Amino acid sequence: MNKKLGYYSVGLQEFDSKIKACQLASKVLEKIQSPNIVKWHFNDEIFSTYNWSIEPRESLADLYKKRAKHLREQYDYIIISYSGGADSHNVVMSFLNQGLFIDELVVTHMDKAMKDYAIVDRDDRSAKYAYYSEYHLQTLPRLEEIRLLSPTTKIRIFDVSESVFKAFSRHMDEGWVYHVREELNPIDASRYNYLQFSEFKTQLDFGKKIAIVLGVDKPIVKLDETYNKFYLCFRDRLANITPIGEYAKDYTNTTIEYFYWSPDACDLLCKQAHTIINWLKQNPGFQKYFLNKPVSRVISERILRPLIYTTWKSEWFQANKAMFDWHSDFDAWFIENYKNTLEYLLWKKGIFYVARTCTPFISNSKNPDGLVTFEKRYEIV
């Protein structure tokens, strides 16, 4: 278990699967009413002792470079999971802007599954077309630029359309839910299984010390109701969003590294948070959007992106974020078109199974669409 990615405990038992933790806790709660029986651990011993109130003097650009340099020196082989979005593109440029070599980029797309459903239109940013439109309008153009900057970097592009169906049919029951942390929407439950592709799996067999680097997400900054205190928060749903590690457990030479949300990047995280807070103090009209509640993805994408990433250009394309979890807008192609298939029935069977066995931890019991979110928060100012 790579505990830097976060894990759960119920009593003395530890899990990297949130589903397994919630299932055990649900059984315990039938006998013992114990509040907070599930605990999410996310580098607490380091984050809780770091002084978040002091803004690092270094610039964000320097701290991004420092993080990239640390990873490059730590591993023999660097693989970056690349979508072309702001987070992963900034990771790539943090290496290339200082001449650090990236051994490999891994890119996934859904063309085979979505070609008769989705549209490519710069004026249509619908989340239901996101995987298709972002790949063609953003990912491919950025990859061409990266090839010019680093022509010897391997770029592996995989169409993961079939993996969505295989993820369900290979089990023929609800067992597929145990191969993810909590990602029960069809695409995210399967598209990060890079080891299904032999050419990727072969690379891991060479015995080198390998890092698979993920961007994860931007910092979550919240403001309390008094408008006096700011917090940096970590939410487990975001930390669980890319379950690559679930498929690479047999490779002890391979480590999943979060580029931003890492205990090795506290200065970087702190600088990001202070950058956002400084801007909010200068633009108080936006503070209401950062009150003690989940920040709208529209806000986080449109406002935070240019604040913390100078490597992103405003004219680049990015689709809207999904509003739902297990029934994600991103999966509309599957949900709308495959209702009469075995795979759809198996997907729904898994959803119902988790909803039934994790009842106390379902975020909306009337319309189950995700597990309750666990959060860590650290006061900044």
Foldseek 3Di string as FASTA:
>chain_A
DPCQLKWKDQVPDIGNAQLVQLLVVLVVCVPDVDPPRIDIDHPCVLVVPDALQDADPDDLLVLLLVLLVVVLVVFPAEEEADALDLLSLLNVCSQLVVPHDHQEYEYEAACVLCVVPADADLVAQFLQRFRPNCCVQGVVVVVVVVCVSHVNHYYHYYYCNVQLLCLQVVVLALVSSVLARWQLASCQSGVLLPVVDPVVVVVLPPLTQYEYEYRQAAWQWAAEPVNPWIKTKDKSCSSRRHRNVSNCVVRPSYYYHHSDSGSVSSSSNSNLRVLVVVVCVVVVVCNVQRYPDGRDPVCCRPPSSVSSGVSDDPPGGGHDAFPFGNNTSNCCSCVVPPCPDSSNVNSVNNQVVSCVSSVVQAPDNVDGGGGHMDMDIDIHD
